[in-house]
Structures are given as structure tokens and as C-alpha cells.
Amino acid sequence: MGVTLIRGQVLDPGGGPVAGAAIYVVSAPGSMPDIAQLTDGDGQFTLAAPLPGRYTLGARSDAFGQAQAEVEVGGKGPVAVEIRFGRPEEA
């Protein structure tokens, strides 16, 4: 079985893309490297998911704080996830 891609987008409280947010894996069904990547200008990112199962992803932004989202990876092609920040006072 190959690696599945997780494709996602980070959005601000109003639904706009958040560029430059740090994306990292909070929990995964196996060990993952402890690294973060930044979203592009459209708030998009792609992560490799080597094992099927539930992944919890985190996003961190200086403007909006932190947010998390879960995604289920089944090994059948890329999966999509959206991480949306709440209002700044909720972060």
C-alpha cells in the first residue's frame, strides 16, 4: 500500500484563506516526523499519510492562534480536510 495524500486548506473565521499558517500532525496511527509546513498563498497544503487511520492536524497562525481538524485516511486516493480558525478570542 502506498502513501495517501491529505490535501487541505486553512481558513480564517470569515472563510478566507490563511497564507503562511504552520501545519503539523498532532496525532496519527503511526509515528510521524515532528515537522511543520506552511500553507501557500491560497491557504492550501499537502501532507503525506503513510498509514490508514485517523489523523489530527493542527494549524498555527500569528493572527488567529491555533486550530485542529481530524481526517480519516482510507488509502484510496487523496483525502480533503479543512481547518478553520475560530474568532481570535476563542483561539
N, C-alpha and C. Protein backbone atom coordinates (compact mmCIF):
# COMPACT_ATOMS: atom_id res chain seq x y z
N MET A 1 0.84 -1.18 0.00
CA MET A 1 0.00 0.00 0.00
C MET A 1 0.89 1.23 0.00
N GLY A 2 0.53 2.25 -0.81
CA GLY A 2 1.34 3.45 -0.93
C GLY A 2 0.91 4.52 0.06
N VAL A 3 1.55 5.63 -0.08
CA VAL A 3 1.25 6.79 0.76
C VAL A 3 0.02 7.50 0.20
N THR A 4 -0.89 7.89 1.08
CA THR A 4 -2.06 8.67 0.71
C THR A 4 -1.76 10.14 0.99
N LEU A 5 -2.24 11.01 0.14
CA LEU A 5 -2.05 12.44 0.36
C LEU A 5 -3.26 13.04 1.06
N ILE A 6 -2.98 13.91 2.02
CA ILE A 6 -4.01 14.71 2.66
C ILE A 6 -3.86 16.11 2.07
N ARG A 7 -4.90 16.56 1.39
CA ARG A 7 -4.90 17.90 0.81
C ARG A 7 -5.87 18.75 1.61
N GLY A 8 -5.41 19.91 2.02
CA GLY A 8 -6.26 20.73 2.85
C GLY A 8 -6.12 22.20 2.61
N GLN A 9 -6.99 22.93 3.29
CA GLN A 9 -6.97 24.38 3.23
C GLN A 9 -7.25 24.92 4.62
N VAL A 10 -6.55 25.99 4.96
CA VAL A 10 -6.74 26.66 6.24
C VAL A 10 -7.50 27.95 5.98
N LEU A 11 -8.58 28.14 6.75
CA LEU A 11 -9.45 29.29 6.56
C LEU A 11 -9.55 30.12 7.84
N ASP A 12 -9.73 31.43 7.65
CA ASP A 12 -9.92 32.32 8.79
C ASP A 12 -11.39 32.25 9.24
N PRO A 13 -11.76 32.93 10.32
CA PRO A 13 -13.15 32.84 10.80
C PRO A 13 -14.20 33.24 9.76
N GLY A 14 -13.83 34.11 8.82
CA GLY A 14 -14.78 34.53 7.79
C GLY A 14 -14.77 33.66 6.55
N GLY A 15 -13.93 32.64 6.52
CA GLY A 15 -13.87 31.73 5.38
C GLY A 15 -12.81 32.07 4.35
N GLY A 16 -11.98 33.05 4.64
CA GLY A 16 -10.90 33.41 3.71
C GLY A 16 -9.67 32.55 3.95
N PRO A 17 -8.84 32.36 2.93
CA PRO A 17 -7.64 31.53 3.08
C PRO A 17 -6.61 32.20 3.98
N VAL A 18 -5.88 31.38 4.73
CA VAL A 18 -4.82 31.87 5.62
C VAL A 18 -3.48 31.41 5.06
N ALA A 19 -2.74 32.34 4.48
CA ALA A 19 -1.41 32.04 3.94
C ALA A 19 -0.39 32.05 5.08
N GLY A 20 0.60 31.18 4.99
CA GLY A 20 1.69 31.16 5.95
C GLY A 20 1.36 30.53 7.29
N ALA A 21 0.25 29.81 7.41
CA ALA A 21 -0.07 29.10 8.65
C ALA A 21 0.79 27.84 8.73
N ALA A 22 1.29 27.53 9.90
CA ALA A 22 2.07 26.31 10.11
C ALA A 22 1.13 25.13 10.29
N ILE A 23 1.34 24.07 9.51
CA ILE A 23 0.53 22.85 9.58
C ILE A 23 1.40 21.74 10.15
N TYR A 24 0.85 20.98 11.11
CA TYR A 24 1.61 19.91 11.75
C TYR A 24 0.66 18.78 12.14
N VAL A 25 1.23 17.59 12.35
CA VAL A 25 0.45 16.42 12.75
C VAL A 25 0.42 16.36 14.27
N VAL A 26 -0.79 16.39 14.84
CA VAL A 26 -0.97 16.29 16.28
C VAL A 26 -0.97 14.82 16.69
N SER A 27 -1.72 13.99 15.97
CA SER A 27 -1.73 12.55 16.24
C SER A 27 -1.97 11.81 14.94
N ALA A 28 -1.45 10.58 14.90
CA ALA A 28 -1.54 9.75 13.70
C ALA A 28 -1.51 8.29 14.12
N PRO A 29 -1.90 7.37 13.22
CA PRO A 29 -1.89 5.95 13.57
C PRO A 29 -0.48 5.36 13.68
N GLY A 30 0.53 6.10 13.35
CA GLY A 30 1.91 5.65 13.46
C GLY A 30 2.79 6.84 13.72
N SER A 31 4.09 6.61 13.85
CA SER A 31 4.98 7.73 14.11
C SER A 31 5.12 8.59 12.86
N MET A 32 5.18 9.88 13.09
CA MET A 32 5.32 10.86 12.01
C MET A 32 6.47 11.79 12.37
N PRO A 33 7.16 12.32 11.37
CA PRO A 33 8.22 13.27 11.67
C PRO A 33 7.65 14.53 12.34
N ASP A 34 8.38 15.08 13.26
CA ASP A 34 7.94 16.26 14.00
C ASP A 34 8.36 17.51 13.24
N ILE A 35 7.68 17.75 12.13
CA ILE A 35 7.98 18.91 11.29
C ILE A 35 6.69 19.63 10.96
N ALA A 36 6.82 20.87 10.57
CA ALA A 36 5.65 21.65 10.15
C ALA A 36 5.92 22.20 8.76
N GLN A 37 4.86 22.43 8.03
CA GLN A 37 4.97 23.11 6.75
C GLN A 37 4.04 24.30 6.75
N LEU A 38 4.28 25.24 5.84
CA LEU A 38 3.47 26.45 5.77
C LEU A 38 2.48 26.35 4.62
N THR A 39 1.30 26.92 4.84
CA THR A 39 0.30 26.98 3.76
C THR A 39 0.78 27.95 2.69
N ASP A 40 0.29 27.74 1.47
CA ASP A 40 0.65 28.62 0.36
C ASP A 40 -0.23 29.87 0.38
N GLY A 41 -0.15 30.67 -0.66
CA GLY A 41 -0.91 31.92 -0.73
C GLY A 41 -2.41 31.73 -0.72
N ASP A 42 -2.89 30.53 -1.07
CA ASP A 42 -4.32 30.22 -1.05
C ASP A 42 -4.73 29.46 0.20
N GLY A 43 -3.82 29.37 1.19
CA GLY A 43 -4.10 28.66 2.42
C GLY A 43 -4.09 27.15 2.26
N GLN A 44 -3.52 26.64 1.18
CA GLN A 44 -3.54 25.20 0.89
C GLN A 44 -2.25 24.50 1.31
N PHE A 45 -2.39 23.21 1.59
CA PHE A 45 -1.24 22.38 1.96
C PHE A 45 -1.48 20.95 1.52
N THR A 46 -0.40 20.17 1.46
CA THR A 46 -0.47 18.74 1.17
C THR A 46 0.47 18.02 2.12
N LEU A 47 -0.03 16.98 2.79
CA LEU A 47 0.77 16.16 3.68
C LEU A 47 0.70 14.70 3.23
N ALA A 48 1.76 13.96 3.47
CA ALA A 48 1.77 12.52 3.18
C ALA A 48 1.28 11.76 4.41
N ALA A 49 0.37 10.82 4.19
CA ALA A 49 -0.15 9.96 5.25
C ALA A 49 0.26 8.53 4.94
N PRO A 50 1.30 8.02 5.59
CA PRO A 50 1.82 6.71 5.24
C PRO A 50 0.95 5.53 5.66
N LEU A 51 0.06 5.73 6.63
CA LEU A 51 -0.78 4.64 7.14
C LEU A 51 -2.24 5.04 7.12
N PRO A 52 -3.15 4.08 6.90
CA PRO A 52 -4.57 4.39 7.02
C PRO A 52 -4.93 4.63 8.49
N GLY A 53 -5.97 5.40 8.71
CA GLY A 53 -6.42 5.68 10.07
C GLY A 53 -6.76 7.14 10.24
N ARG A 54 -6.98 7.51 11.50
CA ARG A 54 -7.40 8.88 11.82
C ARG A 54 -6.17 9.75 12.13
N TYR A 55 -6.13 10.90 11.48
CA TYR A 55 -5.08 11.89 11.69
C TYR A 55 -5.70 13.15 12.27
N THR A 56 -5.05 13.72 13.27
CA THR A 56 -5.44 15.03 13.78
C THR A 56 -4.36 16.00 13.35
N LEU A 57 -4.78 17.02 12.62
CA LEU A 57 -3.86 18.04 12.13
C LEU A 57 -4.07 19.33 12.89
N GLY A 58 -2.99 20.04 13.11
CA GLY A 58 -3.06 21.33 13.76
C GLY A 58 -2.60 22.42 12.82
N ALA A 59 -3.11 23.62 13.03
CA ALA A 59 -2.68 24.80 12.30
C ALA A 59 -2.41 25.90 13.31
N ARG A 60 -1.34 26.65 13.05
CA ARG A 60 -0.98 27.74 13.94
C ARG A 60 -0.72 28.99 13.09
N SER A 61 -1.29 30.10 13.53
CA SER A 61 -1.14 31.37 12.82
C SER A 61 -0.95 32.48 13.84
N ASP A 62 -0.02 33.40 13.57
CA ASP A 62 0.17 34.54 14.48
C ASP A 62 -1.10 35.36 14.60
N ALA A 63 -1.86 35.47 13.51
CA ALA A 63 -3.07 36.30 13.51
C ALA A 63 -4.26 35.63 14.17
N PHE A 64 -4.35 34.28 14.09
CA PHE A 64 -5.58 33.59 14.52
C PHE A 64 -5.38 32.55 15.62
N GLY A 65 -4.16 32.30 16.06
CA GLY A 65 -3.92 31.32 17.11
C GLY A 65 -3.80 29.91 16.56
N GLN A 66 -4.49 28.96 17.20
CA GLN A 66 -4.38 27.56 16.82
C GLN A 66 -5.76 26.96 16.54
N ALA A 67 -5.77 25.96 15.66
CA ALA A 67 -6.99 25.22 15.35
C ALA A 67 -6.59 23.80 14.99
N GLN A 68 -7.55 22.88 15.09
CA GLN A 68 -7.31 21.47 14.74
C GLN A 68 -8.46 20.93 13.92
N ALA A 69 -8.17 19.88 13.18
CA ALA A 69 -9.19 19.15 12.44
C ALA A 69 -8.75 17.70 12.33
N GLU A 70 -9.73 16.80 12.24
CA GLU A 70 -9.45 15.37 12.07
C GLU A 70 -9.84 14.95 10.67
N VAL A 71 -9.09 13.97 10.16
CA VAL A 71 -9.38 13.42 8.84
C VAL A 71 -9.11 11.92 8.89
N GLU A 72 -9.98 11.16 8.24
CA GLU A 72 -9.85 9.70 8.17
C GLU A 72 -9.21 9.34 6.83
N VAL A 73 -8.09 8.63 6.89
CA VAL A 73 -7.38 8.21 5.69
C VAL A 73 -7.65 6.72 5.48
N GLY A 74 -8.17 6.39 4.29
CA GLY A 74 -8.50 5.00 4.00
C GLY A 74 -7.59 4.35 2.98
N GLY A 75 -6.69 5.09 2.40
CA GLY A 75 -5.76 4.52 1.45
C GLY A 75 -6.24 4.50 0.02
N LYS A 76 -7.37 5.16 -0.28
CA LYS A 76 -7.93 5.16 -1.64
C LYS A 76 -7.84 6.56 -2.22
N GLY A 77 -6.68 7.00 -2.56
CA GLY A 77 -6.52 8.31 -3.17
C GLY A 77 -6.49 9.42 -2.15
N PRO A 78 -6.30 10.66 -2.62
CA PRO A 78 -6.18 11.79 -1.70
C PRO A 78 -7.47 12.05 -0.92
N VAL A 79 -7.31 12.57 0.27
CA VAL A 79 -8.45 12.97 1.09
C VAL A 79 -8.33 14.47 1.35
N ALA A 80 -9.47 15.11 1.56
CA ALA A 80 -9.51 16.55 1.76
C ALA A 80 -9.89 16.88 3.20
N VAL A 81 -9.33 17.98 3.70
CA VAL A 81 -9.65 18.44 5.05
C VAL A 81 -9.61 19.97 5.04
N GLU A 82 -10.46 20.55 5.87
CA GLU A 82 -10.49 22.00 6.05
C GLU A 82 -10.23 22.28 7.52
N ILE A 83 -9.31 23.20 7.77
CA ILE A 83 -9.04 23.65 9.13
C ILE A 83 -9.46 25.11 9.20
N ARG A 84 -10.40 25.39 10.08
CA ARG A 84 -10.94 26.76 10.17
C ARG A 84 -10.66 27.31 11.58
N PHE A 85 -10.09 28.50 11.60
CA PHE A 85 -9.87 29.19 12.86
C PHE A 85 -11.17 29.78 13.35
N GLY A 86 -11.33 29.77 14.68
CA GLY A 86 -12.47 30.45 15.29
C GLY A 86 -12.15 31.93 15.43
N ARG A 87 -13.03 32.65 16.07
CA ARG A 87 -12.75 34.06 16.31
C ARG A 87 -11.47 34.19 17.14
N PRO A 88 -10.67 35.23 16.96
CA PRO A 88 -9.40 35.35 17.68
C PRO A 88 -9.51 35.17 19.18
N GLU A 89 -10.59 35.64 19.81
CA GLU A 89 -10.71 35.48 21.26
C GLU A 89 -10.96 34.04 21.66
N GLU A 90 -11.34 33.16 20.72
CA GLU A 90 -11.55 31.74 21.03
C GLU A 90 -10.28 30.92 20.83
N ALA A 91 -9.27 31.47 20.20
CA ALA A 91 -8.06 30.72 19.87
C ALA A 91 -7.21 30.47 21.08
